[in-house]
């Protein structure tokens, strides 16, 4: 289980990461679920960061995960699930229909 301090660090690093872009992003880091930390972003022009078929979103998630693993010294393995404007959630719901 990831500590609350690690969750705060994840949010801080995510804010720094997206703060270096030109996008105004509202970042929400949710409590861990099954070793996965959900990170939700709300931005005005999500299509640029999502990319075709979500490829850019997956690439950003991969980069952020690599940065977090280097910065957080946790004995517990953890993953992140980056979502922008609920893109993944909506896509999952659509595919279930």
PDB file of N, CA and C in Angstrom:
ATOM      1  N   UNK A   1       0.840  -1.181   0.000  1.00  0.00           N
ATOM      2  CA  UNK A   1       0.000   0.000   0.000  1.00  0.00           C
ATOM      3  C   UNK A   1       0.889   1.249   0.000  1.00  0.00           C
ATOM      4  N   UNK A   2       0.516   2.192  -0.791  1.00  0.00           N
ATOM      5  CA  UNK A   2       1.279   3.434  -0.918  1.00  0.00           C
ATOM      6  C   UNK A   2       0.875   4.378   0.212  1.00  0.00           C
ATOM      7  N   UNK A   3       1.859   5.013   0.823  1.00  0.00           N
ATOM      8  CA  UNK A   3       1.589   5.905   1.955  1.00  0.00           C
ATOM      9  C   UNK A   3       0.947   7.206   1.484  1.00  0.00           C
ATOM     10  N   UNK A   4       0.325   7.900   2.426  1.00  0.00           N
ATOM     11  CA  UNK A   4      -0.297   9.188   2.095  1.00  0.00           C
ATOM     12  C   UNK A   4       0.768  10.207   1.689  1.00  0.00           C
ATOM     13  N   UNK A   5       1.971  10.097   2.245  1.00  0.00           N
ATOM     14  CA  UNK A   5       3.065  10.982   1.832  1.00  0.00           C
ATOM     15  C   UNK A   5       3.449  10.730   0.379  1.00  0.00           C
ATOM     16  N   UNK A   6       3.458   9.449  -0.026  1.00  0.00           N
ATOM     17  CA  UNK A   6       3.758   9.123  -1.419  1.00  0.00           C
ATOM     18  C   UNK A   6       2.683   9.667  -2.353  1.00  0.00           C
ATOM     19  N   UNK A   7       1.422   9.612  -1.924  1.00  0.00           N
ATOM     20  CA  UNK A   7       0.321  10.158  -2.729  1.00  0.00           C
ATOM     21  C   UNK A   7       0.519  11.661  -2.908  1.00  0.00           C
ATOM     22  N   UNK A   8       0.900  12.345  -1.829  1.00  0.00           N
ATOM     23  CA  UNK A   8       1.153  13.790  -1.910  1.00  0.00           C
ATOM     24  C   UNK A   8       2.328  14.071  -2.846  1.00  0.00           C
ATOM     25  N   UNK A   9       3.352  13.241  -2.779  1.00  0.00           N
ATOM     26  CA  UNK A   9       4.509  13.399  -3.668  1.00  0.00           C
ATOM     27  C   UNK A   9       4.110  13.166  -5.115  1.00  0.00           C
ATOM     28  N   UNK A  10       3.282  12.170  -5.356  1.00  0.00           N
ATOM     29  CA  UNK A  10       2.806  11.898  -6.723  1.00  0.00           C
ATOM     30  C   UNK A  10       2.072  13.119  -7.269  1.00  0.00           C
ATOM     31  N   UNK A  11       1.204  13.713  -6.452  1.00  0.00           N
ATOM     32  CA  UNK A  11       0.466  14.901  -6.907  1.00  0.00           C
ATOM     33  C   UNK A  11       1.430  16.054  -7.192  1.00  0.00           C
ATOM     34  N   UNK A  12       2.390  16.269  -6.302  1.00  0.00           N
ATOM     35  CA  UNK A  12       3.354  17.366  -6.481  1.00  0.00           C
ATOM     36  C   UNK A  12       4.159  17.177  -7.770  1.00  0.00           C
ATOM     37  N   UNK A  13       4.632  15.964  -8.001  1.00  0.00           N
ATOM     38  CA  UNK A  13       5.424  15.689  -9.207  1.00  0.00           C
ATOM     39  C   UNK A  13       4.566  15.830 -10.459  1.00  0.00           C
ATOM     40  N   UNK A  14       3.314  15.357 -10.410  1.00  0.00           N
ATOM     41  CA  UNK A  14       2.410  15.497 -11.554  1.00  0.00           C
ATOM     42  C   UNK A  14       2.151  16.974 -11.845  1.00  0.00           C
ATOM     43  N   UNK A  15       1.971  17.770 -10.808  1.00  0.00           N
ATOM     44  CA  UNK A  15       1.754  19.214 -10.994  1.00  0.00           C
ATOM     45  C   UNK A  15       2.987  19.867 -11.610  1.00  0.00           C
ATOM     46  N   UNK A  16       4.175  19.473 -11.154  1.00  0.00           N
ATOM     47  CA  UNK A  16       5.410  20.015 -11.731  1.00  0.00           C
ATOM     48  C   UNK A  16       5.549  19.589 -13.203  1.00  0.00           C
ATOM     49  N   UNK A  17       5.264  18.322 -13.471  1.00  0.00           N
ATOM     50  CA  UNK A  17       5.375  17.771 -14.825  1.00  0.00           C
ATOM     51  C   UNK A  17       4.467  18.545 -15.794  1.00  0.00           C
ATOM     52  N   UNK A  18       3.199  18.684 -15.441  1.00  0.00           N
ATOM     53  CA  UNK A  18       2.264  19.368 -16.338  1.00  0.00           C
ATOM     54  C   UNK A  18       2.412  20.880 -16.257  1.00  0.00           C
ATOM     55  N   UNK A  19       3.001  21.388 -15.178  1.00  0.00           N
ATOM     56  CA  UNK A  19       3.266  22.820 -15.058  1.00  0.00           C
ATOM     57  C   UNK A  19       4.318  23.298 -16.041  1.00  0.00           C
ATOM     58  N   UNK A  20       5.133  22.369 -16.537  1.00  0.00           N
ATOM     59  CA  UNK A  20       6.160  22.725 -17.516  1.00  0.00           C
ATOM     60  C   UNK A  20       5.612  22.757 -18.944  1.00  0.00           C
ATOM     61  N   UNK A  21       4.326  22.469 -19.081  1.00  0.00           N
ATOM     62  CA  UNK A  21       3.682  22.539 -20.392  1.00  0.00           C
ATOM     63  C   UNK A  21       2.901  23.841 -20.488  1.00  0.00           C
ATOM     64  N   UNK A  22       2.289  24.073 -21.613  1.00  0.00           N
ATOM     65  CA  UNK A  22       1.482  25.277 -21.794  1.00  0.00           C
ATOM     66  C   UNK A  22       0.014  25.027 -21.448  1.00  0.00           C
ATOM     67  N   UNK A  23      -0.291  23.849 -20.907  1.00  0.00           N
ATOM     68  CA  UNK A  23      -1.673  23.494 -20.605  1.00  0.00           C
ATOM     69  C   UNK A  23      -2.022  23.855 -19.167  1.00  0.00           C
ATOM     70  N   UNK A  24      -3.182  24.496 -18.982  1.00  0.00           N
ATOM     71  CA  UNK A  24      -3.721  24.726 -17.645  1.00  0.00           C
ATOM     72  C   UNK A  24      -4.409  23.431 -17.257  1.00  0.00           C
ATOM     73  N   UNK A  25      -3.892  22.752 -16.265  1.00  0.00           N
ATOM     74  CA  UNK A  25      -4.456  21.468 -15.878  1.00  0.00           C
ATOM     75  C   UNK A  25      -4.853  21.460 -14.413  1.00  0.00           C
ATOM     76  N   UNK A  26      -6.039  20.937 -14.158  1.00  0.00           N
ATOM     77  CA  UNK A  26      -6.484  20.681 -12.794  1.00  0.00           C
ATOM     78  C   UNK A  26      -6.190  19.204 -12.540  1.00  0.00           C
ATOM     79  N   UNK A  27      -5.394  18.919 -11.522  1.00  0.00           N
ATOM     80  CA  UNK A  27      -4.923  17.558 -11.277  1.00  0.00           C
ATOM     81  C   UNK A  27      -5.541  17.021  -9.989  1.00  0.00           C
ATOM     82  N   UNK A  28      -6.088  15.815 -10.112  1.00  0.00           N
ATOM     83  CA  UNK A  28      -6.675  15.133  -8.955  1.00  0.00           C
ATOM     84  C   UNK A  28      -6.027  13.753  -8.844  1.00  0.00           C
ATOM     85  N   UNK A  29      -5.431  13.488  -7.696  1.00  0.00           N
ATOM     86  CA  UNK A  29      -4.835  12.178  -7.437  1.00  0.00           C
ATOM     87  C   UNK A  29      -5.744  11.471  -6.445  1.00  0.00           C
ATOM     88  N   UNK A  30      -6.267  10.323  -6.856  1.00  0.00           N
ATOM     89  CA  UNK A  30      -7.219   9.578  -6.041  1.00  0.00           C
ATOM     90  C   UNK A  30      -6.503   8.518  -5.209  1.00  0.00           C
ATOM     91  N   UNK A  31      -7.169   8.003  -4.191  1.00  0.00           N
ATOM     92  CA  UNK A  31      -6.557   6.946  -3.377  1.00  0.00           C
ATOM     93  C   UNK A  31      -6.240   5.698  -4.209  1.00  0.00           C
ATOM     94  N   UNK A  32      -5.228   5.011  -3.786  1.00  0.00           N
ATOM     95  CA  UNK A  32      -4.757   3.801  -4.468  1.00  0.00           C
ATOM     96  C   UNK A  32      -5.840   2.718  -4.509  1.00  0.00           C
ATOM     97  N   UNK A  33      -5.919   2.039  -5.642  1.00  0.00           N
ATOM     98  CA  UNK A  33      -6.823   0.899  -5.810  1.00  0.00           C
ATOM     99  C   UNK A  33      -6.018  -0.227  -6.446  1.00  0.00           C
ATOM    100  N   UNK A  34      -5.834  -1.321  -5.729  1.00  0.00           N
ATOM    101  CA  UNK A  34      -5.112  -2.488  -6.270  1.00  0.00           C
ATOM    102  C   UNK A  34      -3.738  -2.110  -6.832  1.00  0.00           C
ATOM    103  N   UNK A  35      -2.956  -1.402  -6.047  1.00  0.00           N
ATOM    104  CA  UNK A  35      -1.601  -0.969  -6.403  1.00  0.00           C
ATOM    105  C   UNK A  35      -1.572   0.040  -7.548  1.00  0.00           C
ATOM    106  N   UNK A  36      -2.711   0.624  -7.881  1.00  0.00           N
ATOM    107  CA  UNK A  36      -2.783   1.617  -8.944  1.00  0.00           C
ATOM    108  C   UNK A  36      -3.271   2.939  -8.377  1.00  0.00           C
ATOM    109  N   UNK A  37      -2.556   4.000  -8.712  1.00  0.00           N
ATOM    110  CA  UNK A  37      -2.926   5.342  -8.266  1.00  0.00           C
ATOM    111  C   UNK A  37      -3.550   6.079  -9.452  1.00  0.00           C
ATOM    112  N   UNK A  38      -4.866   6.337  -9.396  1.00  0.00           N
ATOM    113  CA  UNK A  38      -5.516   7.082 -10.483  1.00  0.00           C
ATOM    114  C   UNK A  38      -5.160   8.567 -10.419  1.00  0.00           C
ATOM    115  N   UNK A  39      -4.784   9.122 -11.560  1.00  0.00           N
ATOM    116  CA  UNK A  39      -4.502  10.550 -11.684  1.00  0.00           C
ATOM    117  C   UNK A  39      -5.422  11.089 -12.771  1.00  0.00           C
ATOM    118  N   UNK A  40      -6.282  12.022 -12.391  1.00  0.00           N
ATOM    119  CA  UNK A  40      -7.226  12.603 -13.344  1.00  0.00           C
ATOM    120  C   UNK A  40      -6.836  14.045 -13.638  1.00  0.00           C
ATOM    121  N   UNK A  41      -6.807  14.368 -14.922  1.00  0.00           N
ATOM    122  CA  UNK A  41      -6.522  15.732 -15.362  1.00  0.00           C
ATOM    123  C   UNK A  41      -7.765  16.307 -16.011  1.00  0.00           C
ATOM    124  N   UNK A  42      -7.971  17.591 -15.799  1.00  0.00           N
ATOM    125  CA  UNK A  42      -9.032  18.312 -16.492  1.00  0.00           C
ATOM    126  C   UNK A  42      -8.364  19.471 -17.210  1.00  0.00           C
ATOM    127  N   UNK A  43      -8.465  19.454 -18.531  1.00  0.00           N
ATOM    128  CA  UNK A  43      -7.887  20.527 -19.333  1.00  0.00           C
ATOM    129  C   UNK A  43      -8.877  20.956 -20.401  1.00  0.00           C
ATOM    130  N   UNK A  44      -8.630  22.130 -21.003  1.00  0.00           N
ATOM    131  CA  UNK A  44      -9.553  22.670 -21.993  1.00  0.00           C
ATOM    132  C   UNK A  44      -9.446  21.991 -23.359  1.00  0.00           C
ATOM    133  N   UNK A  45      -8.262  21.633 -23.790  1.00  0.00           N
ATOM    134  CA  UNK A  45      -8.078  21.016 -25.105  1.00  0.00           C
ATOM    135  C   UNK A  45      -7.472  19.626 -24.943  1.00  0.00           C
ATOM    136  N   UNK A  46      -8.278  18.654 -24.511  1.00  0.00           N
ATOM    137  CA  UNK A  46      -7.736  17.332 -24.203  1.00  0.00           C
ATOM    138  C   UNK A  46      -7.233  16.553 -25.407  1.00  0.00           C
ATOM    139  N   UNK A  47      -7.783  16.821 -26.598  1.00  0.00           N
ATOM    140  CA  UNK A  47      -7.421  16.026 -27.775  1.00  0.00           C
ATOM    141  C   UNK A  47      -5.928  16.073 -28.084  1.00  0.00           C
ATOM    142  N   UNK A  48      -5.262  17.155 -27.734  1.00  0.00           N
ATOM    143  CA  UNK A  48      -3.826  17.268 -28.000  1.00  0.00           C
ATOM    144  C   UNK A  48      -3.042  16.295 -27.124  1.00  0.00           C
ATOM    145  N   UNK A  49      -3.425  16.192 -25.850  1.00  0.00           N
ATOM    146  CA  UNK A  49      -2.710  15.297 -24.935  1.00  0.00           C
ATOM    147  C   UNK A  49      -3.201  13.851 -25.011  1.00  0.00           C
ATOM    148  N   UNK A  50      -4.381  13.640 -25.549  1.00  0.00           N
ATOM    149  CA  UNK A  50      -4.891  12.274 -25.685  1.00  0.00           C
ATOM    150  C   UNK A  50      -4.326  11.622 -26.940  1.00  0.00           C
ATOM    151  N   UNK A  51      -4.332  12.346 -28.040  1.00  0.00           N
ATOM    152  CA  UNK A  51      -3.785  11.813 -29.285  1.00  0.00           C
ATOM    153  C   UNK A  51      -4.712  10.803 -29.940  1.00  0.00           C
ATOM    154  N   UNK A  52      -4.298  10.315 -31.086  1.00  0.00           N
ATOM    155  CA  UNK A  52      -5.109   9.371 -31.853  1.00  0.00           C
ATOM    156  C   UNK A  52      -5.197   8.037 -31.115  1.00  0.00           C
ATOM    157  N   UNK A  53      -6.414   7.648 -30.798  1.00  0.00           N
ATOM    158  CA  UNK A  53      -6.633   6.385 -30.114  1.00  0.00           C
ATOM    159  C   UNK A  53      -6.045   6.339 -28.712  1.00  0.00           C
ATOM    160  N   UNK A  54      -5.723   7.490 -28.140  1.00  0.00           N
ATOM    161  CA  UNK A  54      -5.173   7.539 -26.790  1.00  0.00           C
ATOM    162  C   UNK A  54      -3.673   7.274 -26.720  1.00  0.00           C
ATOM    163  N   UNK A  55      -3.008   7.246 -27.874  1.00  0.00           N
ATOM    164  CA  UNK A  55      -1.578   6.912 -27.893  1.00  0.00           C
ATOM    165  C   UNK A  55      -0.727   7.936 -27.143  1.00  0.00           C
ATOM    166  N   UNK A  56      -0.989   9.221 -27.347  1.00  0.00           N
ATOM    167  CA  UNK A  56      -0.218  10.258 -26.652  1.00  0.00           C
ATOM    168  C   UNK A  56      -0.445  10.175 -25.150  1.00  0.00           C
ATOM    169  N   UNK A  57      -1.680   9.918 -24.749  1.00  0.00           N
ATOM    170  CA  UNK A  57      -2.002   9.750 -23.334  1.00  0.00           C
ATOM    171  C   UNK A  57      -1.205   8.588 -22.734  1.00  0.00           C
ATOM    172  N   UNK A  58      -1.133   7.479 -23.438  1.00  0.00           N
ATOM    173  CA  UNK A  58      -0.352   6.332 -22.962  1.00  0.00           C
ATOM    174  C   UNK A  58       1.134   6.661 -22.860  1.00  0.00           C
ATOM    175  N   UNK A  59       1.641   7.415 -23.829  1.00  0.00           N
ATOM    176  CA  UNK A  59       3.055   7.803 -23.802  1.00  0.00           C
ATOM    177  C   UNK A  59       3.352   8.729 -22.618  1.00  0.00           C
ATOM    178  N   UNK A  60       2.456   9.689 -22.358  1.00  0.00           N
ATOM    179  CA  UNK A  60       2.631  10.600 -21.223  1.00  0.00           C
ATOM    180  C   UNK A  60       2.570   9.816 -19.916  1.00  0.00           C
ATOM    181  N   UNK A  61       1.648   8.875 -19.834  1.00  0.00           N
ATOM    182  CA  UNK A  61       1.533   8.042 -18.635  1.00  0.00           C
ATOM    183  C   UNK A  61       2.827   7.262 -18.399  1.00  0.00           C
ATOM    184  N   UNK A  62       3.396   6.733 -19.461  1.00  0.00           N
ATOM    185  CA  UNK A  62       4.646   5.974 -19.354  1.00  0.00           C
ATOM    186  C   UNK A  62       5.785   6.866 -18.831  1.00  0.00           C
ATOM    187  N   UNK A  63       5.901   8.071 -19.385  1.00  0.00           N
ATOM    188  CA  UNK A  63       6.938   9.014 -18.932  1.00  0.00           C
ATOM    189  C   UNK A  63       6.749   9.395 -17.466  1.00  0.00           C
ATOM    190  N   UNK A  64       5.518   9.728 -17.107  1.00  0.00           N
ATOM    191  CA  UNK A  64       5.234  10.129 -15.733  1.00  0.00           C
ATOM    192  C   UNK A  64       5.504   8.985 -14.767  1.00  0.00           C
ATOM    193  N   UNK A  65       5.151   7.776 -15.147  1.00  0.00           N
ATOM    194  CA  UNK A  65       5.395   6.609 -14.299  1.00  0.00           C
ATOM    195  C   UNK A  65       6.897   6.410 -14.083  1.00  0.00           C
ATOM    196  N   UNK A  66       7.696   6.590 -15.124  1.00  0.00           N
ATOM    197  CA  UNK A  66       9.151   6.439 -14.997  1.00  0.00           C
ATOM    198  C   UNK A  66       9.723   7.493 -14.052  1.00  0.00           C
ATOM    199  N   UNK A  67       9.259   8.713 -14.155  1.00  0.00           N
ATOM    200  CA  UNK A  67       9.716   9.787 -13.274  1.00  0.00           C
ATOM    201  C   UNK A  67       9.335   9.484 -11.827  1.00  0.00           C
ATOM    202  N   UNK A  68       8.097   9.055 -11.628  1.00  0.00           N
ATOM    203  CA  UNK A  68       7.621   8.773 -10.271  1.00  0.00           C
ATOM    204  C   UNK A  68       8.384   7.628  -9.625  1.00  0.00           C
ATOM    205  N   UNK A  69       8.678   6.607 -10.386  1.00  0.00           N
ATOM    206  CA  UNK A  69       9.400   5.464  -9.821  1.00  0.00           C
ATOM    207  C   UNK A  69      10.805   5.855  -9.371  1.00  0.00           C
ATOM    208  N   UNK A  70      11.419   6.805 -10.078  1.00  0.00           N
ATOM    209  CA  UNK A  70      12.754   7.264  -9.683  1.00  0.00           C
ATOM    210  C   UNK A  70      12.685   8.175  -8.451  1.00  0.00           C
ATOM    211  N   UNK A  71      11.628   8.965  -8.357  1.00  0.00           N
ATOM    212  CA  UNK A  71      11.523   9.955  -7.276  1.00  0.00           C
ATOM    213  C   UNK A  71      10.965   9.371  -5.975  1.00  0.00           C
ATOM    214  N   UNK A  72      10.141   8.340  -6.080  1.00  0.00           N
ATOM    215  CA  UNK A  72       9.510   7.778  -4.891  1.00  0.00           C
ATOM    216  C   UNK A  72      10.223   6.491  -4.509  1.00  0.00           C
ATOM    217  N   UNK A  73      10.763   6.501  -3.315  1.00  0.00           N
ATOM    218  CA  UNK A  73      11.488   5.334  -2.821  1.00  0.00           C
ATOM    219  C   UNK A  73      10.515   4.467  -2.027  1.00  0.00           C
ATOM    220  N   UNK A  74       9.730   3.690  -2.753  1.00  0.00           N
ATOM    221  CA  UNK A  74       8.741   2.832  -2.114  1.00  0.00           C
ATOM    222  C   UNK A  74       9.097   1.376  -2.363  1.00  0.00           C
ATOM    223  N   UNK A  75       9.019   0.594  -1.311  1.00  0.00           N
ATOM    224  CA  UNK A  75       9.277  -0.843  -1.456  1.00  0.00           C
ATOM    225  C   UNK A  75       8.116  -1.528  -2.159  1.00  0.00           C
ATOM    226  N   UNK A  76       6.958  -0.875  -2.142  1.00  0.00           N
ATOM    227  CA  UNK A  76       5.763  -1.405  -2.779  1.00  0.00           C
ATOM    228  C   UNK A  76       5.763  -1.043  -4.268  1.00  0.00           C
ATOM    229  N   UNK A  77       5.454  -2.015  -5.091  1.00  0.00           N
ATOM    230  CA  UNK A  77       5.291  -1.756  -6.523  1.00  0.00           C
ATOM    231  C   UNK A  77       3.962  -1.019  -6.701  1.00  0.00           C
ATOM    232  N   UNK A  78       3.965   0.010  -7.522  1.00  0.00           N
ATOM    233  CA  UNK A  78       2.713   0.716  -7.787  1.00  0.00           C
ATOM    234  C   UNK A  78       2.658   1.116  -9.255  1.00  0.00           C
ATOM    235  N   UNK A  79       1.460   1.364  -9.712  1.00  0.00           N
ATOM    236  CA  UNK A  79       1.211   1.791 -11.079  1.00  0.00           C
ATOM    237  C   UNK A  79       0.419   3.084 -11.025  1.00  0.00           C
ATOM    238  N   UNK A  80       0.398   3.804 -12.133  1.00  0.00           N
ATOM    239  CA  UNK A  80      -0.475   4.970 -12.217  1.00  0.00           C
ATOM    240  C   UNK A  80      -1.433   4.757 -13.378  1.00  0.00           C
ATOM    241  N   UNK A  81      -2.590   5.367 -13.264  1.00  0.00           N
ATOM    242  CA  UNK A  81      -3.572   5.342 -14.335  1.00  0.00           C
ATOM    243  C   UNK A  81      -3.936   6.782 -14.629  1.00  0.00           C
ATOM    244  N   UNK A  82      -3.312   7.341 -15.644  1.00  0.00           N
ATOM    245  CA  UNK A  82      -3.529   8.732 -16.028  1.00  0.00           C
ATOM    246  C   UNK A  82      -4.737   8.815 -16.948  1.00  0.00           C
ATOM    247  N   UNK A  83      -5.666   9.691 -16.608  1.00  0.00           N
ATOM    248  CA  UNK A  83      -6.844   9.900 -17.447  1.00  0.00           C
ATOM    249  C   UNK A  83      -7.029  11.399 -17.632  1.00  0.00           C
ATOM    250  N   UNK A  84      -7.428  11.788 -18.826  1.00  0.00           N
ATOM    251  CA  UNK A  84      -7.628  13.200 -19.139  1.00  0.00           C
ATOM    252  C   UNK A  84      -9.084  13.405 -19.517  1.00  0.00           C
ATOM    253  N   UNK A  85      -9.763  14.279 -18.757  1.00  0.00           N
ATOM    254  CA  UNK A  85     -11.183  14.574 -18.968  1.00  0.00           C
ATOM    255  C   UNK A  85     -12.022  13.302 -19.070  1.00  0.00           C
ATOM    256  N   UNK A  86     -11.688  12.300 -18.274  1.00  0.00           N
ATOM    257  CA  UNK A  86     -12.408  11.021 -18.221  1.00  0.00           C
ATOM    258  C   UNK A  86     -12.434  10.283 -19.558  1.00  0.00           C
ATOM    259  N   UNK A  87     -11.421  10.486 -20.377  1.00  0.00           N
ATOM    260  CA  UNK A  87     -11.349   9.824 -21.683  1.00  0.00           C
ATOM    261  C   UNK A  87     -11.403   8.297 -21.544  1.00  0.00           C
ATOM    262  N   UNK A  88     -10.552   7.745 -20.688  1.00  0.00           N
ATOM    263  CA  UNK A  88     -10.500   6.283 -20.539  1.00  0.00           C
ATOM    264  C   UNK A  88     -11.808   5.742 -19.969  1.00  0.00           C
ATOM    265  N   UNK A  89     -12.359   6.452 -18.994  1.00  0.00           N
ATOM    266  CA  UNK A  89     -13.606   6.020 -18.373  1.00  0.00           C
ATOM    267  C   UNK A  89     -14.733   5.991 -19.403  1.00  0.00           C
ATOM    268  N   UNK A  90     -14.843   7.055 -20.195  1.00  0.00           N
ATOM    269  CA  UNK A  90     -15.893   7.122 -21.223  1.00  0.00           C
ATOM    270  C   UNK A  90     -15.692   6.046 -22.282  1.00  0.00           C
ATOM    271  N   UNK A  91     -14.443   5.807 -22.663  1.00  0.00           N
ATOM    272  CA  UNK A  91     -14.156   4.793 -23.676  1.00  0.00           C
ATOM    273  C   UNK A  91     -14.530   3.403 -23.157  1.00  0.00           C
ATOM    274  N   UNK A  92     -14.215   3.127 -21.901  1.00  0.00           N
ATOM    275  CA  UNK A  92     -14.560   1.834 -21.294  1.00  0.00           C
ATOM    276  C   UNK A  92     -16.073   1.650 -21.246  1.00  0.00           C
ATOM    277  N   UNK A  93     -16.790   2.689 -20.835  1.00  0.00           N
ATOM    278  CA  UNK A  93     -18.246   2.614 -20.778  1.00  0.00           C
ATOM    279  C   UNK A  93     -18.839   2.404 -22.171  1.00  0.00           C
ATOM    280  N   UNK A  94     -18.298   3.088 -23.167  1.00  0.00           N
ATOM    281  CA  UNK A  94     -18.773   2.944 -24.541  1.00  0.00           C
ATOM    282  C   UNK A  94     -18.566   1.513 -25.036  1.00  0.00           C
ATOM    283  N   UNK A  95     -17.397   0.948 -24.737  1.00  0.00           N
ATOM    284  CA  UNK A  95     -17.102  -0.407 -25.190  1.00  0.00           C
ATOM    285  C   UNK A  95     -17.954  -1.459 -24.485  1.00  0.00           C
ATOM    286  N   UNK A  96     -18.391  -1.160 -23.261  1.00  0.00           N
ATOM    287  CA  UNK A  96     -19.256  -2.088 -22.536  1.00  0.00           C
ATOM    288  C   UNK A  96     -20.658  -2.148 -23.135  1.00  0.00           C
ATOM    289  N   UNK A  97     -21.077  -1.045 -23.778  1.00  0.00           N
ATOM    290  CA  UNK A  97     -22.437  -0.985 -24.349  1.00  0.00           C
ATOM    291  C   UNK A  97     -22.581  -1.845 -25.567  1.00  0.00           C
TER     292      UNK A  97
END
